[in-house]
Amino acid sequence: MSTELPESAVAPAEAPPTAPSRRTFIATSTVVGGAVVTGGLVAGTSPFGAEEAAAAEAPPTSAVSLTVNGRRHTVTVDNRTSLLDLLREHLGLTGSKKGCNAGACGACSVLVDGRRVNSCLTLTVRLDGAEVTTIEGLARGDELHPLQQAFIDQDAFQCGYCTPGQIMSGVACIQEGHTGSSEEIREWMSGNICRCGCYVKIVRAVEQASGRK
């Protein structure tokens, strides 16, 4: 007599467990890990007190006193504040333009103690006691500075964005005595970029204001 069981009575073999896919593993690990970290942050306590934490987050500041266009200002600023941002954002003097903000175009040129600087690269905290002159400080009431008038006479601008920096640099160029020739003017004005290409007329304006024409 046969001892074989009918096919229907044989117990089916158990299927091997399916290994989780890589995507499932990563998703599960991320959820669990995030929950642990979040729980630790919520349940844990800061090693610093509230005052110490606030002090750590606040940027260092300094009080600076300087004269801008003949008017004395005392301000407290973030130590990272540039002179350009002080002029535009704190004092409302928007004549100085933010072009490249990297000292490459000259649109932000101003005078500090009579010397031209790129205000975007000059830190305000280093100017305590300094005298700053911007494009707004050149005219005397309704009387334009000779170089401002020369820019009008020579039609030395188009869009006008670079013009304040060009004029401030030109004033310094004249004061420094670098107006012996048109070539010398171009050399000493080379740090100011005019994307409209008005260089010939700008040189003529500087020559006019310096008395060469």
N, C-alpha and C. Protein backbone atom coordinates (compact mmCIF):
# COMPACT_ATOMS: atom_id res chain seq x y z
N MET A 1 0.86 -1.18 0.00
CA MET A 1 0.00 0.00 0.00
C MET A 1 0.89 1.23 0.00
N SER A 2 0.58 2.19 -0.85
CA SER A 2 1.39 3.42 -0.97
C SER A 2 1.21 4.30 0.26
N THR A 3 2.34 4.84 0.73
CA THR A 3 2.28 5.73 1.90
C THR A 3 2.39 7.21 1.49
N GLU A 4 2.41 7.51 0.20
CA GLU A 4 2.50 8.90 -0.26
C GLU A 4 1.20 9.62 0.02
N LEU A 5 1.31 10.84 0.48
CA LEU A 5 0.12 11.66 0.72
C LEU A 5 -0.30 12.29 -0.58
N PRO A 6 -1.58 12.50 -0.68
CA PRO A 6 -2.05 13.22 -1.88
C PRO A 6 -1.42 14.60 -1.96
N GLU A 7 -1.33 15.14 -3.16
CA GLU A 7 -0.67 16.43 -3.40
C GLU A 7 -1.29 17.54 -2.58
N SER A 8 -2.60 17.51 -2.42
CA SER A 8 -3.29 18.58 -1.71
C SER A 8 -3.00 18.55 -0.23
N ALA A 9 -2.53 17.41 0.30
CA ALA A 9 -2.28 17.32 1.74
C ALA A 9 -0.87 17.72 2.12
N VAL A 10 0.04 17.90 1.14
CA VAL A 10 1.42 18.28 1.44
C VAL A 10 1.47 19.75 1.82
N ALA A 11 2.08 20.06 2.97
CA ALA A 11 2.16 21.46 3.42
C ALA A 11 3.09 22.25 2.50
N PRO A 12 2.66 23.43 2.06
CA PRO A 12 3.51 24.22 1.14
C PRO A 12 4.76 24.70 1.86
N ALA A 13 5.84 24.76 1.13
CA ALA A 13 7.11 25.24 1.72
C ALA A 13 6.99 26.73 2.02
N GLU A 14 7.59 27.11 3.17
CA GLU A 14 7.52 28.52 3.54
C GLU A 14 8.44 29.33 2.63
N ALA A 15 7.89 30.49 2.17
CA ALA A 15 8.69 31.37 1.30
C ALA A 15 9.73 32.10 2.13
N PRO A 16 10.93 32.27 1.64
CA PRO A 16 11.96 33.01 2.39
C PRO A 16 11.55 34.46 2.57
N PRO A 17 11.88 35.04 3.74
CA PRO A 17 11.49 36.44 3.97
C PRO A 17 12.13 37.36 2.93
N THR A 18 11.30 38.30 2.50
CA THR A 18 11.77 39.25 1.49
C THR A 18 12.65 40.31 2.13
N ALA A 19 13.85 40.46 1.62
CA ALA A 19 14.76 41.47 2.18
C ALA A 19 14.25 42.86 1.81
N PRO A 20 14.32 43.81 2.76
CA PRO A 20 13.85 45.16 2.45
C PRO A 20 14.71 45.79 1.35
N SER A 21 14.06 46.57 0.52
CA SER A 21 14.80 47.23 -0.55
C SER A 21 15.67 48.34 0.03
N ARG A 22 16.63 48.80 -0.75
CA ARG A 22 17.53 49.86 -0.29
C ARG A 22 16.76 51.14 -0.02
N ARG A 23 15.78 51.39 -0.87
CA ARG A 23 14.99 52.61 -0.69
C ARG A 23 14.18 52.56 0.59
N THR A 24 13.61 51.37 0.88
CA THR A 24 12.83 51.23 2.12
C THR A 24 13.72 51.37 3.33
N PHE A 25 14.93 50.80 3.26
CA PHE A 25 15.86 50.86 4.38
C PHE A 25 16.26 52.30 4.68
N ILE A 26 16.58 53.06 3.62
CA ILE A 26 17.00 54.45 3.81
C ILE A 26 15.87 55.28 4.38
N ALA A 27 14.65 55.09 3.84
CA ALA A 27 13.51 55.87 4.32
C ALA A 27 13.23 55.57 5.78
N THR A 28 13.28 54.29 6.15
CA THR A 28 13.01 53.91 7.55
C THR A 28 14.08 54.48 8.48
N SER A 29 15.34 54.37 8.06
CA SER A 29 16.43 54.87 8.88
C SER A 29 16.32 56.38 9.08
N THR A 30 15.92 57.08 8.02
CA THR A 30 15.80 58.53 8.12
C THR A 30 14.72 58.93 9.09
N VAL A 31 13.57 58.26 9.00
CA VAL A 31 12.46 58.58 9.90
C VAL A 31 12.84 58.32 11.34
N VAL A 32 13.42 57.13 11.60
CA VAL A 32 13.78 56.76 12.97
C VAL A 32 14.86 57.70 13.50
N GLY A 33 15.89 57.95 12.68
CA GLY A 33 16.97 58.83 13.12
C GLY A 33 16.47 60.23 13.40
N GLY A 34 15.59 60.75 12.53
CA GLY A 34 15.03 62.08 12.74
C GLY A 34 14.23 62.15 14.01
N ALA A 35 13.48 61.11 14.28
CA ALA A 35 12.67 61.09 15.50
C ALA A 35 13.55 61.10 16.74
N VAL A 36 14.66 60.35 16.68
CA VAL A 36 15.56 60.30 17.83
C VAL A 36 16.21 61.65 18.07
N VAL A 37 16.71 62.27 16.96
CA VAL A 37 17.37 63.57 17.10
C VAL A 37 16.39 64.61 17.59
N THR A 38 15.18 64.63 16.98
CA THR A 38 14.18 65.62 17.38
C THR A 38 13.80 65.44 18.84
N GLY A 39 13.59 64.19 19.20
CA GLY A 39 13.23 63.92 20.58
C GLY A 39 14.30 64.36 21.55
N GLY A 40 15.57 64.15 21.14
CA GLY A 40 16.67 64.56 22.00
C GLY A 40 16.73 66.07 22.15
N LEU A 41 16.45 66.80 21.04
CA LEU A 41 16.49 68.25 21.11
C LEU A 41 15.36 68.79 21.96
N VAL A 42 14.19 68.18 21.80
CA VAL A 42 13.04 68.66 22.55
C VAL A 42 13.18 68.34 24.02
N ALA A 43 13.60 67.10 24.30
CA ALA A 43 13.66 66.67 25.69
C ALA A 43 14.89 67.21 26.40
N GLY A 44 15.99 67.44 25.64
CA GLY A 44 17.23 67.87 26.26
C GLY A 44 17.17 69.33 26.67
N THR A 45 18.14 69.75 27.41
CA THR A 45 18.24 71.13 27.84
C THR A 45 19.51 71.73 27.29
N SER A 46 19.47 73.04 26.98
CA SER A 46 20.64 73.71 26.43
C SER A 46 21.72 73.82 27.49
N PRO A 47 22.98 73.57 27.11
CA PRO A 47 24.07 73.70 28.09
C PRO A 47 24.31 75.15 28.47
N PHE A 48 23.75 76.09 27.71
CA PHE A 48 23.92 77.50 28.00
C PHE A 48 22.62 78.08 28.52
N GLY A 49 22.72 79.14 29.29
CA GLY A 49 21.55 79.84 29.74
C GLY A 49 20.99 80.69 28.62
N ALA A 50 19.79 81.22 28.83
CA ALA A 50 19.14 82.02 27.79
C ALA A 50 19.96 83.26 27.45
N GLU A 51 20.55 83.92 28.45
CA GLU A 51 21.32 85.13 28.20
C GLU A 51 22.59 84.82 27.41
N GLU A 52 23.25 83.71 27.78
CA GLU A 52 24.47 83.33 27.08
C GLU A 52 24.17 82.96 25.64
N ALA A 53 23.05 82.27 25.41
CA ALA A 53 22.68 81.88 24.05
C ALA A 53 22.38 83.11 23.20
N ALA A 54 21.66 84.06 23.80
CA ALA A 54 21.33 85.28 23.06
C ALA A 54 22.59 86.07 22.72
N ALA A 55 23.52 86.12 23.69
CA ALA A 55 24.77 86.84 23.45
C ALA A 55 25.59 86.17 22.35
N ALA A 56 25.55 84.84 22.31
CA ALA A 56 26.31 84.11 21.29
C ALA A 56 25.74 84.36 19.90
N GLU A 57 24.42 84.57 19.79
CA GLU A 57 23.79 84.79 18.50
C GLU A 57 23.94 86.23 18.02
N ALA A 58 24.02 87.20 18.92
CA ALA A 58 24.10 88.60 18.54
C ALA A 58 25.47 88.93 17.95
N PRO A 59 25.54 89.60 16.78
CA PRO A 59 26.83 89.96 16.19
C PRO A 59 27.48 91.08 17.01
N PRO A 60 28.79 91.15 17.03
CA PRO A 60 29.48 92.21 17.77
C PRO A 60 29.22 93.57 17.13
N THR A 61 29.02 94.59 17.94
CA THR A 61 28.76 95.94 17.46
C THR A 61 29.75 96.92 18.08
N SER A 62 29.84 98.10 17.46
CA SER A 62 30.71 99.15 17.97
C SER A 62 30.06 100.51 17.73
N ALA A 63 30.36 101.44 18.62
CA ALA A 63 29.92 102.83 18.44
C ALA A 63 30.99 103.58 17.67
N VAL A 64 30.58 104.28 16.63
CA VAL A 64 31.51 105.00 15.77
C VAL A 64 31.02 106.43 15.60
N SER A 65 31.93 107.37 15.70
CA SER A 65 31.59 108.78 15.49
C SER A 65 32.39 109.29 14.30
N LEU A 66 31.69 109.77 13.28
CA LEU A 66 32.36 110.28 12.09
C LEU A 66 31.57 111.44 11.50
N THR A 67 32.25 112.22 10.68
CA THR A 67 31.62 113.37 10.04
C THR A 67 31.36 113.04 8.58
N VAL A 68 30.11 113.21 8.16
CA VAL A 68 29.73 112.94 6.77
C VAL A 68 29.15 114.21 6.17
N ASN A 69 29.83 114.72 5.15
CA ASN A 69 29.39 115.95 4.48
C ASN A 69 29.19 117.10 5.47
N GLY A 70 30.12 117.19 6.43
CA GLY A 70 30.10 118.27 7.39
C GLY A 70 29.19 118.07 8.58
N ARG A 71 28.49 116.95 8.63
CA ARG A 71 27.57 116.70 9.74
C ARG A 71 28.08 115.52 10.57
N ARG A 72 28.12 115.72 11.88
CA ARG A 72 28.64 114.69 12.78
C ARG A 72 27.57 113.63 13.04
N HIS A 73 27.98 112.36 12.98
CA HIS A 73 27.09 111.24 13.26
C HIS A 73 27.76 110.30 14.24
N THR A 74 27.00 109.85 15.23
CA THR A 74 27.47 108.79 16.13
C THR A 74 26.50 107.63 16.00
N VAL A 75 27.00 106.51 15.55
CA VAL A 75 26.14 105.36 15.27
C VAL A 75 26.71 104.11 15.91
N THR A 76 25.83 103.17 16.22
CA THR A 76 26.25 101.85 16.69
C THR A 76 25.93 100.86 15.58
N VAL A 77 26.96 100.20 15.07
CA VAL A 77 26.77 99.34 13.90
C VAL A 77 27.40 97.97 14.14
N ASP A 78 26.88 97.00 13.42
CA ASP A 78 27.50 95.69 13.32
C ASP A 78 28.93 95.89 12.81
N ASN A 79 29.88 95.22 13.41
CA ASN A 79 31.28 95.40 13.02
C ASN A 79 31.56 95.03 11.57
N ARG A 80 30.63 94.33 10.94
CA ARG A 80 30.82 93.94 9.54
C ARG A 80 30.24 94.96 8.56
N THR A 81 29.64 96.04 9.07
CA THR A 81 28.97 97.02 8.20
C THR A 81 29.98 97.81 7.39
N SER A 82 29.79 97.83 6.08
CA SER A 82 30.67 98.62 5.22
C SER A 82 30.25 100.09 5.26
N LEU A 83 31.16 100.95 4.87
CA LEU A 83 30.83 102.38 4.79
C LEU A 83 29.70 102.60 3.80
N LEU A 84 29.70 101.86 2.70
CA LEU A 84 28.63 102.00 1.71
C LEU A 84 27.27 101.69 2.32
N ASP A 85 27.17 100.61 3.09
CA ASP A 85 25.90 100.27 3.71
C ASP A 85 25.52 101.28 4.79
N LEU A 86 26.50 101.82 5.49
CA LEU A 86 26.20 102.86 6.47
C LEU A 86 25.58 104.06 5.77
N LEU A 87 26.19 104.48 4.67
CA LEU A 87 25.69 105.66 3.95
C LEU A 87 24.29 105.43 3.40
N ARG A 88 24.08 104.29 2.77
CA ARG A 88 22.82 104.04 2.10
C ARG A 88 21.71 103.60 3.06
N GLU A 89 22.02 102.68 3.95
CA GLU A 89 20.98 102.06 4.78
C GLU A 89 20.74 102.80 6.09
N HIS A 90 21.77 103.45 6.63
CA HIS A 90 21.63 104.10 7.94
C HIS A 90 21.45 105.61 7.82
N LEU A 91 22.14 106.24 6.88
CA LEU A 91 22.10 107.69 6.78
C LEU A 91 21.26 108.19 5.61
N GLY A 92 20.76 107.30 4.78
CA GLY A 92 19.89 107.70 3.68
C GLY A 92 20.59 108.43 2.56
N LEU A 93 21.90 108.30 2.45
CA LEU A 93 22.66 108.93 1.38
C LEU A 93 22.88 107.91 0.26
N THR A 94 21.96 107.89 -0.68
CA THR A 94 21.95 106.83 -1.69
C THR A 94 22.67 107.22 -2.98
N GLY A 95 23.35 108.37 -2.97
CA GLY A 95 24.08 108.76 -4.18
C GLY A 95 25.19 107.79 -4.51
N SER A 96 25.89 107.30 -3.49
CA SER A 96 26.93 106.30 -3.72
C SER A 96 26.27 104.98 -4.08
N LYS A 97 26.65 104.40 -5.19
CA LYS A 97 25.94 103.24 -5.73
C LYS A 97 26.64 101.93 -5.38
N LYS A 98 25.82 100.91 -5.21
CA LYS A 98 26.34 99.56 -4.99
C LYS A 98 26.32 98.85 -6.33
N GLY A 99 27.49 98.74 -6.93
CA GLY A 99 27.60 98.08 -8.22
C GLY A 99 28.01 96.64 -8.06
N CYS A 100 29.33 96.41 -7.98
CA CYS A 100 29.84 95.04 -7.84
C CYS A 100 29.91 94.60 -6.39
N ASN A 101 29.99 95.55 -5.46
CA ASN A 101 30.16 95.27 -4.03
C ASN A 101 31.43 94.47 -3.76
N ALA A 102 32.41 94.63 -4.64
CA ALA A 102 33.67 93.90 -4.50
C ALA A 102 34.88 94.79 -4.80
N GLY A 103 34.67 96.10 -4.90
CA GLY A 103 35.78 97.01 -5.15
C GLY A 103 36.31 97.02 -6.56
N ALA A 104 35.51 96.54 -7.52
CA ALA A 104 36.02 96.41 -8.89
C ALA A 104 35.45 97.43 -9.86
N CYS A 105 34.37 98.16 -9.48
CA CYS A 105 33.73 99.03 -10.46
C CYS A 105 33.85 100.51 -10.13
N GLY A 106 34.04 100.86 -8.86
CA GLY A 106 34.22 102.25 -8.48
C GLY A 106 32.95 103.05 -8.32
N ALA A 107 31.78 102.43 -8.49
CA ALA A 107 30.52 103.17 -8.38
C ALA A 107 30.27 103.70 -6.98
N CYS A 108 30.95 103.14 -5.99
CA CYS A 108 30.75 103.53 -4.59
C CYS A 108 31.82 104.48 -4.09
N SER A 109 32.64 105.04 -4.97
CA SER A 109 33.78 105.87 -4.56
C SER A 109 33.34 107.08 -3.75
N VAL A 110 34.01 107.30 -2.62
CA VAL A 110 33.80 108.49 -1.80
C VAL A 110 35.17 108.95 -1.32
N LEU A 111 35.18 110.09 -0.65
CA LEU A 111 36.43 110.60 -0.08
C LEU A 111 36.42 110.39 1.42
N VAL A 112 37.49 109.84 1.95
CA VAL A 112 37.68 109.70 3.40
C VAL A 112 38.94 110.45 3.77
N ASP A 113 38.77 111.51 4.54
CA ASP A 113 39.89 112.39 4.90
C ASP A 113 40.62 112.86 3.65
N GLY A 114 39.83 113.16 2.60
CA GLY A 114 40.38 113.71 1.37
C GLY A 114 40.92 112.70 0.38
N ARG A 115 40.91 111.43 0.75
CA ARG A 115 41.43 110.40 -0.15
C ARG A 115 40.28 109.53 -0.64
N ARG A 116 40.33 109.14 -1.90
CA ARG A 116 39.25 108.32 -2.45
C ARG A 116 39.38 106.87 -2.00
N VAL A 117 38.24 106.29 -1.69
CA VAL A 117 38.21 104.88 -1.28
C VAL A 117 36.99 104.23 -1.91
N ASN A 118 37.04 102.91 -2.02
CA ASN A 118 35.85 102.14 -2.38
C ASN A 118 35.08 101.89 -1.09
N SER A 119 33.94 102.53 -0.94
CA SER A 119 33.22 102.44 0.33
C SER A 119 32.66 101.05 0.57
N CYS A 120 32.51 100.23 -0.48
CA CYS A 120 32.00 98.88 -0.28
C CYS A 120 33.02 97.98 0.41
N LEU A 121 34.31 98.36 0.36
CA LEU A 121 35.37 97.57 0.97
C LEU A 121 35.88 98.17 2.27
N THR A 122 35.32 99.30 2.67
CA THR A 122 35.80 100.02 3.85
C THR A 122 34.87 99.76 5.02
N LEU A 123 35.40 99.22 6.12
CA LEU A 123 34.59 98.93 7.29
C LEU A 123 34.35 100.21 8.09
N THR A 124 33.11 100.40 8.49
CA THR A 124 32.74 101.60 9.25
C THR A 124 33.50 101.69 10.57
N VAL A 125 33.74 100.55 11.22
CA VAL A 125 34.38 100.56 12.54
C VAL A 125 35.80 101.11 12.48
N ARG A 126 36.37 101.19 11.31
CA ARG A 126 37.74 101.71 11.18
C ARG A 126 37.76 103.21 10.90
N LEU A 127 36.60 103.85 10.91
CA LEU A 127 36.52 105.25 10.52
C LEU A 127 36.16 106.18 11.67
N ASP A 128 36.37 105.74 12.89
CA ASP A 128 36.05 106.61 14.03
C ASP A 128 36.89 107.89 13.94
N GLY A 129 36.20 109.03 13.93
CA GLY A 129 36.87 110.32 13.83
C GLY A 129 37.17 110.78 12.41
N ALA A 130 36.80 109.99 11.42
CA ALA A 130 37.11 110.34 10.03
C ALA A 130 36.11 111.35 9.46
N GLU A 131 36.53 112.00 8.38
CA GLU A 131 35.65 112.91 7.64
C GLU A 131 35.38 112.29 6.26
N VAL A 132 34.11 112.12 5.97
CA VAL A 132 33.68 111.46 4.74
C VAL A 132 32.93 112.46 3.87
N THR A 133 33.26 112.47 2.58
CA THR A 133 32.54 113.31 1.63
C THR A 133 31.95 112.43 0.55
N THR A 134 30.66 112.57 0.32
CA THR A 134 29.96 111.81 -0.72
C THR A 134 29.51 112.77 -1.82
N ILE A 135 28.91 112.24 -2.84
CA ILE A 135 28.43 113.07 -3.95
C ILE A 135 27.44 114.12 -3.47
N GLU A 136 26.70 113.80 -2.40
CA GLU A 136 25.71 114.76 -1.87
C GLU A 136 26.37 115.96 -1.21
N GLY A 137 27.66 115.84 -0.87
CA GLY A 137 28.35 116.91 -0.16
C GLY A 137 29.20 117.81 -1.02
N LEU A 138 29.18 117.64 -2.34
CA LEU A 138 30.05 118.45 -3.21
C LEU A 138 29.47 119.83 -3.49
N ALA A 139 28.21 119.90 -3.80
CA ALA A 139 27.61 121.18 -4.15
C ALA A 139 27.51 122.09 -2.93
N ARG A 140 27.48 123.38 -3.19
CA ARG A 140 27.28 124.38 -2.14
C ARG A 140 25.94 125.05 -2.40
N GLY A 141 24.91 124.49 -1.79
CA GLY A 141 23.57 124.98 -2.06
C GLY A 141 23.19 124.67 -3.50
N ASP A 142 22.82 125.71 -4.25
CA ASP A 142 22.46 125.52 -5.66
C ASP A 142 23.67 125.58 -6.59
N GLU A 143 24.84 125.85 -6.04
CA GLU A 143 26.04 125.95 -6.87
C GLU A 143 26.73 124.60 -6.95
N LEU A 144 26.79 124.04 -8.14
CA LEU A 144 27.41 122.74 -8.33
C LEU A 144 28.92 122.83 -8.20
N HIS A 145 29.52 121.72 -7.84
CA HIS A 145 30.98 121.61 -7.86
C HIS A 145 31.43 121.75 -9.31
N PRO A 146 32.59 122.36 -9.58
CA PRO A 146 33.05 122.52 -10.96
C PRO A 146 33.05 121.23 -11.77
N LEU A 147 33.36 120.09 -11.13
CA LEU A 147 33.37 118.84 -11.89
C LEU A 147 31.95 118.36 -12.18
N GLN A 148 31.03 118.61 -11.27
CA GLN A 148 29.62 118.28 -11.56
C GLN A 148 29.15 119.08 -12.77
N GLN A 149 29.47 120.37 -12.79
CA GLN A 149 29.07 121.21 -13.91
C GLN A 149 29.76 120.75 -15.20
N ALA A 150 31.02 120.34 -15.09
CA ALA A 150 31.75 119.88 -16.27
C ALA A 150 31.13 118.61 -16.84
N PHE A 151 30.66 117.72 -15.99
CA PHE A 151 29.99 116.51 -16.48
C PHE A 151 28.74 116.88 -17.29
N ILE A 152 28.05 117.92 -16.86
CA ILE A 152 26.87 118.37 -17.61
C ILE A 152 27.30 119.01 -18.93
N ASP A 153 28.29 119.88 -18.85
CA ASP A 153 28.75 120.58 -20.05
C ASP A 153 29.28 119.62 -21.11
N GLN A 154 29.99 118.59 -20.67
CA GLN A 154 30.60 117.64 -21.60
C GLN A 154 29.69 116.45 -21.92
N ASP A 155 28.51 116.42 -21.34
CA ASP A 155 27.57 115.30 -21.54
C ASP A 155 28.27 113.97 -21.23
N ALA A 156 28.91 113.92 -20.05
CA ALA A 156 29.80 112.81 -19.71
C ALA A 156 29.10 111.67 -18.99
N PHE A 157 27.87 111.40 -19.35
CA PHE A 157 27.14 110.27 -18.75
C PHE A 157 25.98 109.87 -19.66
N GLN A 158 25.53 108.63 -19.48
CA GLN A 158 24.33 108.17 -20.17
C GLN A 158 23.33 107.65 -19.15
N CYS A 159 23.53 106.43 -18.67
CA CYS A 159 22.57 105.90 -17.68
C CYS A 159 22.74 106.58 -16.33
N GLY A 160 23.94 107.07 -16.02
CA GLY A 160 24.18 107.82 -14.80
C GLY A 160 24.50 106.99 -13.58
N TYR A 161 24.47 105.66 -13.68
CA TYR A 161 24.67 104.84 -12.48
C TYR A 161 26.08 105.00 -11.92
N CYS A 162 27.07 105.07 -12.79
CA CYS A 162 28.45 105.18 -12.33
C CYS A 162 28.86 106.61 -12.05
N THR A 163 28.02 107.57 -12.43
CA THR A 163 28.41 108.99 -12.40
C THR A 163 28.83 109.49 -11.02
N PRO A 164 28.12 109.19 -9.92
CA PRO A 164 28.58 109.68 -8.62
C PRO A 164 30.01 109.21 -8.30
N GLY A 165 30.29 107.95 -8.55
CA GLY A 165 31.63 107.44 -8.30
C GLY A 165 32.66 108.05 -9.23
N GLN A 166 32.29 108.26 -10.49
CA GLN A 166 33.21 108.89 -11.44
C GLN A 166 33.56 110.30 -10.98
N ILE A 167 32.56 111.05 -10.54
CA ILE A 167 32.79 112.43 -10.11
C ILE A 167 33.67 112.46 -8.86
N MET A 168 33.36 111.60 -7.87
CA MET A 168 34.16 111.60 -6.65
C MET A 168 35.60 111.20 -6.94
N SER A 169 35.79 110.24 -7.82
CA SER A 169 37.15 109.84 -8.19
C SER A 169 37.84 110.95 -8.97
N GLY A 170 37.07 111.64 -9.82
CA GLY A 170 37.64 112.75 -10.59
C GLY A 170 38.06 113.91 -9.70
N VAL A 171 37.26 114.20 -8.67
CA VAL A 171 37.63 115.25 -7.72
C VAL A 171 38.96 114.90 -7.05
N ALA A 172 39.10 113.65 -6.63
CA ALA A 172 40.35 113.22 -6.01
C ALA A 172 41.50 113.29 -7.00
N CYS A 173 41.23 112.92 -8.23
CA CYS A 173 42.26 112.95 -9.27
C CYS A 173 42.80 114.37 -9.44
N ILE A 174 41.90 115.34 -9.42
CA ILE A 174 42.32 116.74 -9.54
C ILE A 174 43.11 117.17 -8.31
N GLN A 175 42.61 116.82 -7.12
CA GLN A 175 43.28 117.21 -5.88
C GLN A 175 44.66 116.58 -5.77
N GLU A 176 44.81 115.39 -6.31
CA GLU A 176 46.09 114.69 -6.26
C GLU A 176 47.08 115.19 -7.30
N GLY A 177 46.59 116.00 -8.24
CA GLY A 177 47.47 116.54 -9.28
C GLY A 177 47.74 115.59 -10.43
N HIS A 178 46.83 114.65 -10.64
CA HIS A 178 47.04 113.67 -11.73
C HIS A 178 46.24 114.06 -12.97
N THR A 179 46.43 115.30 -13.42
CA THR A 179 45.69 115.77 -14.59
C THR A 179 46.63 116.40 -15.62
N GLY A 180 47.87 115.95 -15.64
CA GLY A 180 48.85 116.53 -16.54
C GLY A 180 48.56 116.28 -18.01
N SER A 181 47.86 115.20 -18.30
CA SER A 181 47.51 114.86 -19.68
C SER A 181 46.28 113.98 -19.66
N SER A 182 45.67 113.81 -20.82
CA SER A 182 44.49 112.94 -20.89
C SER A 182 44.87 111.50 -20.57
N GLU A 183 46.09 111.11 -20.95
CA GLU A 183 46.55 109.75 -20.65
C GLU A 183 46.70 109.56 -19.14
N GLU A 184 47.22 110.56 -18.47
CA GLU A 184 47.37 110.46 -17.02
C GLU A 184 46.02 110.40 -16.33
N ILE A 185 45.07 111.19 -16.81
CA ILE A 185 43.72 111.15 -16.23
C ILE A 185 43.11 109.78 -16.42
N ARG A 186 43.25 109.21 -17.61
CA ARG A 186 42.69 107.87 -17.86
C ARG A 186 43.32 106.83 -16.94
N GLU A 187 44.62 106.96 -16.72
CA GLU A 187 45.31 106.00 -15.85
C GLU A 187 44.79 106.10 -14.42
N TRP A 188 44.65 107.29 -13.91
CA TRP A 188 44.26 107.47 -12.52
C TRP A 188 42.75 107.37 -12.31
N MET A 189 42.00 107.32 -13.38
CA MET A 189 40.55 107.09 -13.31
C MET A 189 40.18 105.67 -13.72
N SER A 190 41.18 104.83 -13.94
CA SER A 190 40.93 103.50 -14.50
C SER A 190 40.18 102.57 -13.55
N GLY A 191 40.11 102.91 -12.29
CA GLY A 191 39.37 102.07 -11.35
C GLY A 191 37.88 102.27 -11.38
N ASN A 192 37.42 103.23 -12.19
CA ASN A 192 35.98 103.51 -12.31
C ASN A 192 35.49 103.04 -13.67
N ILE A 193 34.55 102.12 -13.64
CA ILE A 193 34.03 101.51 -14.87
C ILE A 193 32.78 102.23 -15.33
N CYS A 194 32.71 102.53 -16.63
CA CYS A 194 31.49 103.09 -17.24
C CYS A 194 31.02 102.10 -18.30
N ARG A 195 29.94 101.41 -18.00
CA ARG A 195 29.45 100.40 -18.95
C ARG A 195 28.81 101.02 -20.19
N CYS A 196 28.52 102.32 -20.13
CA CYS A 196 28.00 103.00 -21.32
C CYS A 196 29.12 103.48 -22.24
N GLY A 197 30.35 103.45 -21.76
CA GLY A 197 31.50 103.80 -22.59
C GLY A 197 31.72 105.29 -22.79
N CYS A 198 31.44 106.09 -21.77
CA CYS A 198 31.59 107.55 -21.89
C CYS A 198 32.98 108.04 -21.49
N TYR A 199 33.98 107.21 -21.62
CA TYR A 199 35.30 107.55 -21.10
C TYR A 199 35.89 108.82 -21.72
N VAL A 200 35.73 109.02 -23.01
CA VAL A 200 36.30 110.20 -23.66
C VAL A 200 35.73 111.47 -23.06
N LYS A 201 34.41 111.48 -22.87
CA LYS A 201 33.75 112.68 -22.32
C LYS A 201 34.05 112.85 -20.83
N ILE A 202 34.23 111.75 -20.12
CA ILE A 202 34.60 111.84 -18.71
C ILE A 202 35.96 112.49 -18.57
N VAL A 203 36.90 112.09 -19.41
CA VAL A 203 38.24 112.69 -19.38
C VAL A 203 38.15 114.18 -19.70
N ARG A 204 37.34 114.53 -20.68
CA ARG A 204 37.18 115.96 -21.03
C ARG A 204 36.60 116.74 -19.86
N ALA A 205 35.67 116.14 -19.13
CA ALA A 205 35.08 116.82 -17.97
C ALA A 205 36.11 117.06 -16.89
N VAL A 206 36.96 116.08 -16.64
CA VAL A 206 38.02 116.23 -15.62
C VAL A 206 39.01 117.30 -16.10
N GLU A 207 39.33 117.30 -17.38
CA GLU A 207 40.23 118.34 -17.92
C GLU A 207 39.61 119.72 -17.74
N GLN A 208 38.33 119.86 -18.01
CA GLN A 208 37.66 121.15 -17.86
C GLN A 208 37.70 121.63 -16.41
N ALA A 209 37.36 120.73 -15.48
CA ALA A 209 37.32 121.12 -14.07
C ALA A 209 38.71 121.42 -13.52
N SER A 210 39.73 120.78 -14.09
CA SER A 210 41.09 121.03 -13.61
C SER A 210 41.70 122.27 -14.22
N GLY A 211 41.03 122.89 -15.20
CA GLY A 211 41.53 124.10 -15.83
C GLY A 211 42.36 123.86 -17.06
N ARG A 212 42.46 122.57 -17.46
CA ARG A 212 43.25 122.29 -18.66
C ARG A 212 42.50 122.67 -19.92
N LYS A 213 41.16 122.79 -19.84
CA LYS A 213 40.38 123.21 -21.01
C LYS A 213 39.37 124.25 -20.57
